[in-house]
Protein backbone atom coordinates (compact mmCIF):
# COMPACT_ATOMS: atom_id res chain seq x y z
CA MET A 1 -5.37 -9.24 -33.37
CA ASP A 2 -4.49 -8.93 -29.67
CA THR A 3 -7.25 -9.11 -27.09
CA PRO A 4 -7.11 -6.17 -24.67
CA PRO A 5 -6.19 -7.13 -21.10
CA VAL A 6 -8.91 -7.53 -18.49
CA GLN A 7 -8.53 -5.55 -15.27
CA VAL A 8 -10.28 -7.22 -12.30
CA LEU A 9 -10.58 -5.42 -8.96
CA GLN A 10 -12.61 -5.17 -5.82
CA ALA A 11 -15.02 -2.27 -6.23
CA ASP A 12 -14.75 0.81 -4.05
CA TYR A 13 -18.35 1.92 -3.51
CA ARG A 14 -17.12 5.51 -2.92
CA ASN A 15 -15.43 5.65 -6.33
CA PRO A 16 -17.86 7.29 -8.84
CA LEU A 17 -16.44 5.23 -11.74
CA HIS A 18 -16.96 1.99 -9.83
CA ALA A 19 -20.42 3.06 -8.66
CA ALA A 20 -21.54 3.90 -12.20
CA ALA A 21 -20.11 0.64 -13.56
CA LEU A 22 -21.90 -1.37 -10.88
CA VAL A 23 -25.30 0.15 -11.68
CA GLU A 24 -24.76 -0.08 -15.45
CA LEU A 25 -23.71 -3.74 -15.31
CA LEU A 26 -26.43 -4.79 -12.88
CA ASP A 27 -29.04 -3.09 -15.07
CA HIS A 28 -27.60 -4.88 -18.11
CA TYR A 29 -27.89 -8.18 -16.21
CA ALA A 30 -31.42 -7.40 -14.98
CA GLN A 31 -32.55 -6.85 -18.59
CA ASP A 32 -31.08 -10.18 -19.73
CA PRO A 33 -33.50 -13.15 -19.69
CA MET A 34 -31.24 -14.81 -17.07
CA GLY A 35 -31.70 -11.76 -14.83
CA GLY A 36 -35.47 -11.48 -15.21
CA ALA A 37 -35.69 -9.42 -18.43
CA GLU A 38 -36.70 -6.22 -16.61
CA PRO A 39 -34.60 -3.08 -16.11
CA LEU A 40 -33.56 -2.09 -12.60
CA SER A 41 -36.11 0.04 -10.81
CA THR A 42 -35.46 3.75 -10.46
CA ASN A 43 -35.05 3.16 -6.72
CA ALA A 44 -32.37 0.51 -7.29
CA ARG A 45 -30.55 2.65 -9.86
CA HIS A 46 -30.41 5.60 -7.45
CA HIS A 47 -29.76 3.84 -4.12
CA LEU A 48 -28.03 0.51 -4.82
CA VAL A 49 -24.43 1.60 -4.30
CA ALA A 50 -25.20 3.53 -1.10
CA GLU A 51 -27.15 0.57 0.27
CA LEU A 52 -24.32 -1.85 -0.55
CA ALA A 53 -21.83 0.49 1.11
CA LYS A 54 -23.89 0.36 4.34
CA ARG A 55 -23.43 -3.40 4.56
CA PRO A 56 -20.00 -4.35 5.92
CA HIS A 57 -20.34 -7.91 4.66
CA ALA A 58 -21.07 -6.90 1.06
CA PHE A 59 -18.41 -6.59 -1.62
CA SER A 60 -18.35 -6.39 -5.38
CA VAL A 61 -15.77 -7.32 -8.00
CA LEU A 62 -15.61 -5.44 -11.31
CA ALA A 63 -13.91 -6.23 -14.60
CA PHE A 64 -12.86 -3.58 -17.11
CA VAL A 65 -11.61 -4.03 -20.68
CA ASP A 66 -9.92 -0.96 -22.18
CA GLY A 67 -11.55 1.14 -19.46
CA GLN A 68 -15.04 -0.12 -20.32
CA ALA A 69 -17.09 -1.84 -17.62
CA ALA A 70 -17.28 -5.48 -18.70
CA GLY A 71 -18.33 -7.59 -15.71
CA LEU A 72 -19.65 -7.58 -12.17
CA VAL A 73 -19.94 -9.98 -9.24
CA ASN A 74 -21.85 -8.96 -6.10
CA CYS A 75 -21.14 -10.97 -2.95
CA PHE A 76 -22.33 -11.17 0.63
CA GLU A 77 -20.55 -12.78 3.52
CA GLY A 78 -22.65 -15.22 5.52
CA PHE A 79 -21.86 -17.78 8.18
CA SER A 80 -21.71 -21.57 8.18
CA THR A 81 -22.94 -22.80 11.54
CA PHE A 82 -21.71 -26.35 10.87
CA ALA A 83 -18.16 -25.17 10.04
CA CYS A 84 -18.35 -22.21 12.48
CA GLN A 85 -16.70 -20.05 9.81
CA PRO A 86 -17.75 -17.32 7.43
CA LEU A 87 -18.75 -18.11 3.84
CA VAL A 88 -19.30 -15.96 0.77
CA ASN A 89 -22.49 -16.09 -1.26
CA VAL A 90 -21.99 -15.04 -4.86
CA HIS A 91 -25.25 -13.20 -5.51
CA ASP A 92 -24.90 -11.73 -9.02
CA VAL A 93 -22.53 -12.66 -11.84
CA ALA A 94 -22.86 -10.51 -14.93
CA VAL A 95 -20.76 -10.04 -18.06
CA ARG A 96 -21.82 -7.69 -20.83
CA GLU A 97 -23.10 -9.66 -23.80
CA ASP A 98 -20.46 -8.21 -26.13
CA MET A 99 -17.70 -9.22 -23.69
CA ARG A 100 -18.72 -12.84 -23.16
CA GLY A 101 -16.47 -15.72 -24.16
CA ARG A 102 -13.28 -14.06 -22.90
CA GLY A 103 -13.10 -15.79 -19.50
CA ILE A 104 -14.12 -12.63 -17.64
CA SER A 105 -16.50 -14.40 -15.25
CA GLN A 106 -13.77 -16.87 -14.34
CA LEU A 107 -11.28 -14.08 -13.64
CA MET A 108 -13.81 -12.29 -11.44
CA LEU A 109 -14.72 -15.47 -9.55
CA GLU A 110 -11.03 -16.18 -8.97
CA LYS A 111 -10.79 -12.71 -7.38
CA VAL A 112 -13.87 -13.47 -5.25
CA GLU A 113 -12.24 -16.71 -4.11
CA ALA A 114 -9.05 -14.86 -3.17
CA ILE A 115 -11.05 -12.35 -1.11
CA ALA A 116 -12.99 -15.19 0.57
CA ARG A 117 -9.74 -16.95 1.46
CA GLU A 118 -8.34 -13.71 2.91
CA ARG A 119 -11.46 -13.49 5.09
CA GLY A 120 -11.03 -17.07 6.33
CA CYS A 121 -14.17 -18.35 4.61
CA CYS A 122 -14.89 -22.06 4.44
CA LYS A 123 -16.81 -22.02 1.14
CA LEU A 124 -18.41 -20.07 -1.68
CA THR A 125 -22.07 -20.52 -2.55
CA LEU A 126 -24.14 -19.38 -5.52
CA GLU A 127 -27.41 -20.01 -7.28
CA VAL A 128 -27.75 -20.73 -10.98
CA LEU A 129 -30.85 -21.27 -13.12
CA GLU A 130 -31.41 -24.80 -14.42
CA GLY A 131 -31.61 -23.47 -17.98
CA ASN A 132 -28.37 -21.45 -17.83
CA ALA A 133 -26.00 -24.09 -19.21
CA PRO A 134 -23.18 -21.64 -20.09
CA ALA A 135 -23.03 -20.34 -16.50
CA GLN A 136 -23.16 -23.87 -15.10
CA ALA A 137 -20.25 -24.90 -17.33
CA ALA A 138 -18.22 -21.87 -16.23
CA TYR A 139 -18.91 -22.60 -12.56
CA ARG A 140 -18.00 -26.28 -12.94
CA LYS A 141 -14.63 -25.28 -14.44
CA LEU A 142 -13.91 -23.46 -11.19
CA GLY A 143 -14.94 -26.36 -8.95
CA TYR A 144 -18.53 -25.45 -8.10
CA GLY A 145 -21.15 -28.16 -7.94
CA ALA A 146 -24.64 -28.91 -6.68
CA TYR A 147 -25.00 -28.96 -2.89
CA GLU A 148 -25.96 -32.20 -1.22
CA LEU A 149 -25.24 -33.72 2.17
CA ASP A 150 -26.35 -37.25 1.34
CA PRO A 151 -27.03 -38.41 -2.25
CA THR A 152 -30.04 -40.42 -1.05
CA LEU A 153 -31.69 -37.18 0.12
CA GLY A 154 -31.03 -35.33 -3.16
CA LYS A 155 -29.65 -31.92 -3.95
CA ALA A 156 -30.52 -28.76 -2.06
CA LEU A 157 -33.13 -26.51 -3.64
CA PHE A 158 -33.06 -22.70 -3.61
CA TRP A 159 -36.47 -21.32 -2.60
CA GLN A 160 -37.77 -17.83 -1.98
CA LYS A 161 -40.70 -16.04 -0.39
CA VAL A 162 -41.17 -12.50 -1.68
CA LEU A 163 -42.09 -10.00 1.00
CA ALA A 164 -44.23 -7.14 -0.31
């Protein structure tokens, strides 16, 4: 049985099909234990795409299989002061549970890398949960690794402070 081809593209936030796919896939990810196991808020569902569109340094990559939304990567351009060049932070990587195991995340991340190279970026960054071994393995295949400047100082940690 042939596997249907995967279409990977940069999302157009003005395209209703892309906008709906983005919200659907992010909600799917949010409800997964690796995304926090809570659905997107009503506010996020209604305003996410418009808010992303307001940010010139935001972009998203979508994957479709037979016209069905299959995967999403949300990215934000930042800046490396040490390299004095832009960088891209991969913020969300999501593949529908029934579409996993087909290399969709790798195809989407290859598209992200191509966009980052077009923008003259010096690196890609992302965060991954310690317990998400499948994602870590996928990222390693593409050349990602833990961030450290000096092995004697250890690896960088990702911290947050929630602002109410």
